[in-house]
């Protein structure tokens, strides 16, 4: 049996972040949101907040989320609130919902399916 089909090719990123500046700015996150992608995610959140105080995160494609990811969401929320803005979570995946639920952070974020 050939097990190579189950392996992820090395050139396929396991984590991607894109940021479209607007009103609100939209940050799309895909893959495993952990310590390995924290700088990329932080940079996108900072850029979005510099542009506008309202930020939306598209989280439908997040397959794993850890405390570093949660930390960025919470800090982005605080920074947005200080500027009179909001952070909206769009279609949070099961992984994101689980993380927010077990930490008690679910009620802090408006979510849209």
N, C-alpha and C. Protein backbone atom coordinates (compact mmCIF):
# COMPACT_ATOMS: atom_id res chain seq x y z
N UNK A 1 0.85 -1.19 0.00
CA UNK A 1 0.00 0.00 0.00
C UNK A 1 0.88 1.23 0.00
N UNK A 2 0.60 2.17 -0.87
CA UNK A 2 1.37 3.40 -0.98
C UNK A 2 0.81 4.44 -0.01
N UNK A 3 1.60 4.83 1.00
CA UNK A 3 1.13 5.80 1.99
C UNK A 3 1.46 7.23 1.60
N UNK A 4 2.13 7.43 0.48
CA UNK A 4 2.51 8.78 0.08
C UNK A 4 1.30 9.66 -0.24
N UNK A 5 0.20 9.06 -0.63
CA UNK A 5 -1.00 9.84 -0.95
C UNK A 5 -1.56 10.55 0.27
N UNK A 6 -1.30 10.04 1.45
CA UNK A 6 -1.81 10.63 2.68
C UNK A 6 -0.94 11.76 3.20
N UNK A 7 0.27 11.89 2.66
CA UNK A 7 1.18 12.92 3.12
C UNK A 7 0.89 14.25 2.45
N UNK A 8 1.05 15.32 3.21
CA UNK A 8 0.86 16.65 2.66
C UNK A 8 2.13 17.06 1.94
N UNK A 9 2.03 17.50 0.68
CA UNK A 9 3.22 17.94 -0.03
C UNK A 9 3.91 19.09 0.71
N UNK A 10 5.23 19.11 0.66
CA UNK A 10 6.00 20.12 1.38
C UNK A 10 5.73 21.55 0.91
N UNK A 11 5.31 21.72 -0.33
CA UNK A 11 5.10 23.07 -0.85
C UNK A 11 3.69 23.61 -0.55
N UNK A 12 2.84 22.83 0.12
CA UNK A 12 1.50 23.28 0.48
C UNK A 12 1.57 23.89 1.88
N UNK A 13 1.24 25.18 2.01
CA UNK A 13 1.31 25.81 3.33
C UNK A 13 0.27 25.22 4.28
N UNK A 14 0.68 25.03 5.52
CA UNK A 14 -0.28 24.51 6.50
C UNK A 14 -1.04 25.63 7.18
N UNK A 15 -0.65 26.89 6.91
CA UNK A 15 -1.31 28.04 7.52
C UNK A 15 -1.20 29.22 6.58
N UNK A 16 -2.33 29.85 6.28
CA UNK A 16 -2.31 31.04 5.44
C UNK A 16 -3.21 32.12 6.05
N UNK A 17 -2.81 33.35 5.83
CA UNK A 17 -3.57 34.51 6.29
C UNK A 17 -3.59 35.51 5.15
N UNK A 18 -4.78 36.02 4.84
CA UNK A 18 -4.87 37.12 3.88
C UNK A 18 -5.66 38.24 4.52
N UNK A 19 -5.35 39.46 4.10
CA UNK A 19 -6.00 40.63 4.68
C UNK A 19 -6.45 41.55 3.56
N UNK A 20 -7.75 41.84 3.51
CA UNK A 20 -8.31 42.78 2.54
C UNK A 20 -8.77 44.00 3.33
N UNK A 21 -8.13 45.12 3.09
CA UNK A 21 -8.47 46.34 3.81
C UNK A 21 -9.78 46.91 3.29
N UNK A 22 -10.64 47.29 4.22
CA UNK A 22 -11.94 47.83 3.86
C UNK A 22 -12.66 48.33 5.09
N UNK A 23 -13.98 48.40 4.99
CA UNK A 23 -14.82 48.85 6.10
C UNK A 23 -15.91 47.82 6.33
N UNK A 24 -15.70 46.77 7.07
CA UNK A 24 -14.51 46.45 7.86
C UNK A 24 -13.44 45.79 7.01
N UNK A 25 -12.26 45.70 7.58
CA UNK A 25 -11.21 44.92 6.95
C UNK A 25 -11.50 43.44 7.20
N UNK A 26 -11.12 42.59 6.25
CA UNK A 26 -11.39 41.16 6.35
C UNK A 26 -10.08 40.38 6.39
N UNK A 27 -9.91 39.61 7.46
CA UNK A 27 -8.75 38.74 7.60
C UNK A 27 -9.24 37.31 7.44
N UNK A 28 -8.72 36.61 6.44
CA UNK A 28 -9.11 35.22 6.19
C UNK A 28 -7.98 34.32 6.66
N UNK A 29 -8.34 33.38 7.54
CA UNK A 29 -7.36 32.47 8.13
C UNK A 29 -7.70 31.05 7.70
N UNK A 30 -6.69 30.30 7.25
CA UNK A 30 -6.86 28.92 6.80
C UNK A 30 -5.76 28.05 7.40
N UNK A 31 -6.13 26.85 7.81
CA UNK A 31 -5.15 25.88 8.27
C UNK A 31 -5.00 25.84 9.77
N UNK A 32 -3.78 25.50 10.22
CA UNK A 32 -3.48 25.31 11.63
C UNK A 32 -3.00 26.61 12.25
N UNK A 33 -3.85 27.22 13.06
CA UNK A 33 -3.57 28.52 13.67
C UNK A 33 -2.88 28.30 15.02
N UNK A 34 -1.55 28.25 14.99
CA UNK A 34 -0.80 28.00 16.21
C UNK A 34 0.42 28.91 16.25
N UNK A 35 1.34 28.64 17.14
CA UNK A 35 2.52 29.48 17.33
C UNK A 35 3.30 29.71 16.03
N UNK A 36 3.30 28.75 15.15
CA UNK A 36 4.04 28.88 13.90
C UNK A 36 3.57 30.00 12.99
N UNK A 37 2.32 30.43 13.13
CA UNK A 37 1.79 31.48 12.27
C UNK A 37 1.48 32.78 12.99
N UNK A 38 1.92 32.88 14.24
CA UNK A 38 1.53 34.01 15.07
C UNK A 38 1.98 35.35 14.47
N UNK A 39 3.17 35.42 13.94
CA UNK A 39 3.67 36.69 13.39
C UNK A 39 2.86 37.12 12.18
N UNK A 40 2.53 36.18 11.32
CA UNK A 40 1.74 36.47 10.13
C UNK A 40 0.35 36.97 10.52
N UNK A 41 -0.26 36.31 11.49
CA UNK A 41 -1.60 36.70 11.95
C UNK A 41 -1.56 38.06 12.65
N UNK A 42 -0.56 38.28 13.49
CA UNK A 42 -0.43 39.55 14.21
C UNK A 42 -0.24 40.71 13.23
N UNK A 43 0.58 40.49 12.22
CA UNK A 43 0.82 41.51 11.21
C UNK A 43 -0.47 41.88 10.47
N UNK A 44 -1.26 40.87 10.11
CA UNK A 44 -2.52 41.13 9.41
C UNK A 44 -3.49 41.90 10.31
N UNK A 45 -3.56 41.51 11.58
CA UNK A 45 -4.47 42.18 12.51
C UNK A 45 -4.03 43.64 12.72
N UNK A 46 -2.74 43.87 12.88
CA UNK A 46 -2.24 45.24 13.05
C UNK A 46 -2.54 46.09 11.83
N UNK A 47 -2.31 45.53 10.64
CA UNK A 47 -2.56 46.25 9.39
C UNK A 47 -4.04 46.60 9.26
N UNK A 48 -4.89 45.64 9.58
CA UNK A 48 -6.34 45.86 9.48
C UNK A 48 -6.79 46.96 10.43
N UNK A 49 -6.30 46.94 11.66
CA UNK A 49 -6.71 47.96 12.64
C UNK A 49 -6.14 49.34 12.32
N UNK A 50 -4.98 49.38 11.69
CA UNK A 50 -4.43 50.68 11.27
C UNK A 50 -5.32 51.30 10.20
N UNK A 51 -5.95 50.46 9.40
CA UNK A 51 -6.81 50.94 8.32
C UNK A 51 -8.20 51.34 8.83
N UNK A 52 -8.78 50.51 9.70
CA UNK A 52 -10.15 50.74 10.17
C UNK A 52 -10.35 50.04 11.50
N UNK A 53 -11.20 50.59 12.35
CA UNK A 53 -11.41 50.02 13.69
C UNK A 53 -12.34 48.80 13.71
N UNK A 54 -13.00 48.51 12.59
CA UNK A 54 -13.86 47.33 12.51
C UNK A 54 -13.15 46.26 11.69
N UNK A 55 -13.03 45.07 12.28
CA UNK A 55 -12.31 43.97 11.64
C UNK A 55 -13.18 42.72 11.68
N UNK A 56 -13.18 41.97 10.59
CA UNK A 56 -13.86 40.68 10.53
C UNK A 56 -12.83 39.60 10.22
N UNK A 57 -12.96 38.48 10.91
CA UNK A 57 -12.10 37.32 10.68
C UNK A 57 -12.95 36.22 10.05
N UNK A 58 -12.56 35.75 8.86
CA UNK A 58 -13.19 34.58 8.24
C UNK A 58 -12.42 33.37 8.75
N UNK A 59 -13.08 32.55 9.58
CA UNK A 59 -12.40 31.45 10.25
C UNK A 59 -12.93 30.08 9.83
N UNK A 60 -13.63 30.03 8.72
CA UNK A 60 -14.23 28.77 8.26
C UNK A 60 -13.17 27.72 7.95
N UNK A 61 -12.00 28.13 7.53
CA UNK A 61 -10.96 27.19 7.12
C UNK A 61 -9.93 26.87 8.18
N UNK A 62 -10.17 27.25 9.41
CA UNK A 62 -9.21 26.95 10.48
C UNK A 62 -9.42 25.51 10.94
N UNK A 63 -8.39 24.69 10.79
CA UNK A 63 -8.48 23.27 11.15
C UNK A 63 -7.99 22.99 12.56
N UNK A 64 -7.22 23.90 13.12
CA UNK A 64 -6.72 23.79 14.49
C UNK A 64 -6.46 25.19 15.00
N UNK A 65 -6.78 25.44 16.27
CA UNK A 65 -6.53 26.75 16.87
C UNK A 65 -6.05 26.55 18.30
N UNK A 66 -4.98 27.27 18.68
CA UNK A 66 -4.45 27.13 20.03
C UNK A 66 -4.49 28.46 20.78
N UNK A 67 -3.87 28.50 21.95
CA UNK A 67 -3.94 29.68 22.79
C UNK A 67 -3.25 30.90 22.17
N UNK A 68 -2.26 30.70 21.33
CA UNK A 68 -1.63 31.86 20.69
C UNK A 68 -2.59 32.51 19.70
N UNK A 69 -3.37 31.71 19.02
CA UNK A 69 -4.40 32.22 18.12
C UNK A 69 -5.45 32.99 18.92
N UNK A 70 -5.90 32.40 20.02
CA UNK A 70 -6.88 33.06 20.88
C UNK A 70 -6.33 34.39 21.40
N UNK A 71 -5.08 34.41 21.76
CA UNK A 71 -4.45 35.63 22.25
C UNK A 71 -4.52 36.75 21.21
N UNK A 72 -4.27 36.42 19.96
CA UNK A 72 -4.35 37.43 18.89
C UNK A 72 -5.79 37.93 18.74
N UNK A 73 -6.76 37.03 18.77
CA UNK A 73 -8.16 37.45 18.67
C UNK A 73 -8.53 38.38 19.82
N UNK A 74 -8.14 38.02 21.03
CA UNK A 74 -8.48 38.84 22.19
C UNK A 74 -7.79 40.19 22.15
N UNK A 75 -6.52 40.21 21.76
CA UNK A 75 -5.80 41.49 21.69
C UNK A 75 -6.37 42.37 20.58
N UNK A 76 -6.71 41.77 19.45
CA UNK A 76 -7.31 42.53 18.36
C UNK A 76 -8.65 43.12 18.81
N UNK A 77 -9.42 42.34 19.55
CA UNK A 77 -10.70 42.83 20.08
C UNK A 77 -10.49 44.03 21.00
N UNK A 78 -9.54 43.92 21.93
CA UNK A 78 -9.26 45.04 22.84
C UNK A 78 -8.82 46.28 22.08
N UNK A 79 -7.92 46.10 21.11
CA UNK A 79 -7.45 47.24 20.31
C UNK A 79 -8.59 47.87 19.51
N UNK A 80 -9.46 47.04 18.97
CA UNK A 80 -10.60 47.56 18.22
C UNK A 80 -11.55 48.34 19.13
N UNK A 81 -11.84 47.78 20.31
CA UNK A 81 -12.74 48.46 21.25
C UNK A 81 -12.17 49.81 21.69
N UNK A 82 -10.86 49.88 21.90
CA UNK A 82 -10.22 51.15 22.27
C UNK A 82 -10.40 52.21 21.20
N UNK A 83 -10.59 51.78 19.96
CA UNK A 83 -10.78 52.70 18.84
C UNK A 83 -12.24 52.87 18.46
N UNK A 84 -13.13 52.31 19.28
CA UNK A 84 -14.56 52.40 19.00
C UNK A 84 -15.03 51.40 17.97
N UNK A 85 -14.25 50.36 17.73
CA UNK A 85 -14.58 49.38 16.71
C UNK A 85 -15.04 48.06 17.28
N UNK A 86 -15.09 47.07 16.41
CA UNK A 86 -15.53 45.73 16.77
C UNK A 86 -14.71 44.68 16.04
N UNK A 87 -14.80 43.47 16.53
CA UNK A 87 -14.23 42.31 15.84
C UNK A 87 -15.35 41.30 15.67
N UNK A 88 -15.59 40.91 14.43
CA UNK A 88 -16.63 39.95 14.08
C UNK A 88 -15.97 38.67 13.59
N UNK A 89 -16.45 37.52 14.06
CA UNK A 89 -15.95 36.23 13.60
C UNK A 89 -16.94 35.64 12.61
N UNK A 90 -16.49 35.43 11.39
CA UNK A 90 -17.33 34.89 10.32
C UNK A 90 -17.14 33.38 10.21
N UNK A 91 -18.20 32.64 10.32
CA UNK A 91 -18.21 31.18 10.14
C UNK A 91 -17.07 30.49 10.89
N UNK A 92 -16.96 30.70 12.20
CA UNK A 92 -15.88 30.04 12.93
C UNK A 92 -16.00 28.51 12.82
N UNK A 93 -14.89 27.87 12.52
CA UNK A 93 -14.87 26.41 12.38
C UNK A 93 -15.13 25.75 13.73
N UNK A 94 -15.33 24.45 13.70
CA UNK A 94 -15.55 23.69 14.93
C UNK A 94 -14.36 23.84 15.88
N UNK A 95 -13.15 23.87 15.35
CA UNK A 95 -11.94 24.04 16.18
C UNK A 95 -11.95 25.38 16.89
N UNK A 96 -12.31 26.42 16.18
CA UNK A 96 -12.35 27.76 16.77
C UNK A 96 -13.47 27.84 17.80
N UNK A 97 -14.63 27.34 17.45
CA UNK A 97 -15.76 27.35 18.40
C UNK A 97 -15.40 26.61 19.69
N UNK A 98 -14.74 25.47 19.55
CA UNK A 98 -14.34 24.68 20.72
C UNK A 98 -13.39 25.49 21.60
N UNK A 99 -12.38 26.10 21.00
CA UNK A 99 -11.42 26.90 21.75
C UNK A 99 -12.10 28.05 22.47
N UNK A 100 -12.96 28.76 21.78
CA UNK A 100 -13.67 29.88 22.39
C UNK A 100 -14.60 29.42 23.51
N UNK A 101 -15.22 28.29 23.31
CA UNK A 101 -16.16 27.76 24.30
C UNK A 101 -15.45 27.33 25.58
N UNK A 102 -14.38 26.56 25.46
CA UNK A 102 -13.72 26.03 26.67
C UNK A 102 -12.97 27.12 27.43
N UNK A 103 -12.67 28.23 26.79
CA UNK A 103 -11.96 29.31 27.47
C UNK A 103 -12.91 30.40 27.97
N UNK A 104 -14.19 30.28 27.64
CA UNK A 104 -15.16 31.29 28.05
C UNK A 104 -15.15 32.54 27.20
N UNK A 105 -14.45 32.50 26.08
CA UNK A 105 -14.32 33.68 25.22
C UNK A 105 -15.41 33.77 24.16
N UNK A 106 -16.23 32.76 24.03
CA UNK A 106 -17.26 32.74 22.99
C UNK A 106 -18.19 33.94 23.07
N UNK A 107 -18.56 34.34 24.29
CA UNK A 107 -19.48 35.45 24.47
C UNK A 107 -18.87 36.81 24.17
N UNK A 108 -17.55 36.87 24.02
CA UNK A 108 -16.88 38.15 23.76
C UNK A 108 -16.96 38.57 22.29
N UNK A 109 -17.25 37.62 21.42
CA UNK A 109 -17.21 37.89 19.99
C UNK A 109 -18.55 37.66 19.34
N UNK A 110 -19.06 38.68 18.61
CA UNK A 110 -20.22 38.40 17.77
C UNK A 110 -19.78 37.44 16.65
N UNK A 111 -20.59 36.47 16.36
CA UNK A 111 -20.25 35.52 15.30
C UNK A 111 -21.36 35.48 14.27
N UNK A 112 -20.97 35.37 13.03
CA UNK A 112 -21.90 35.24 11.92
C UNK A 112 -21.61 33.94 11.21
N UNK A 113 -22.65 33.18 10.95
CA UNK A 113 -22.46 31.89 10.27
C UNK A 113 -22.27 32.15 8.84
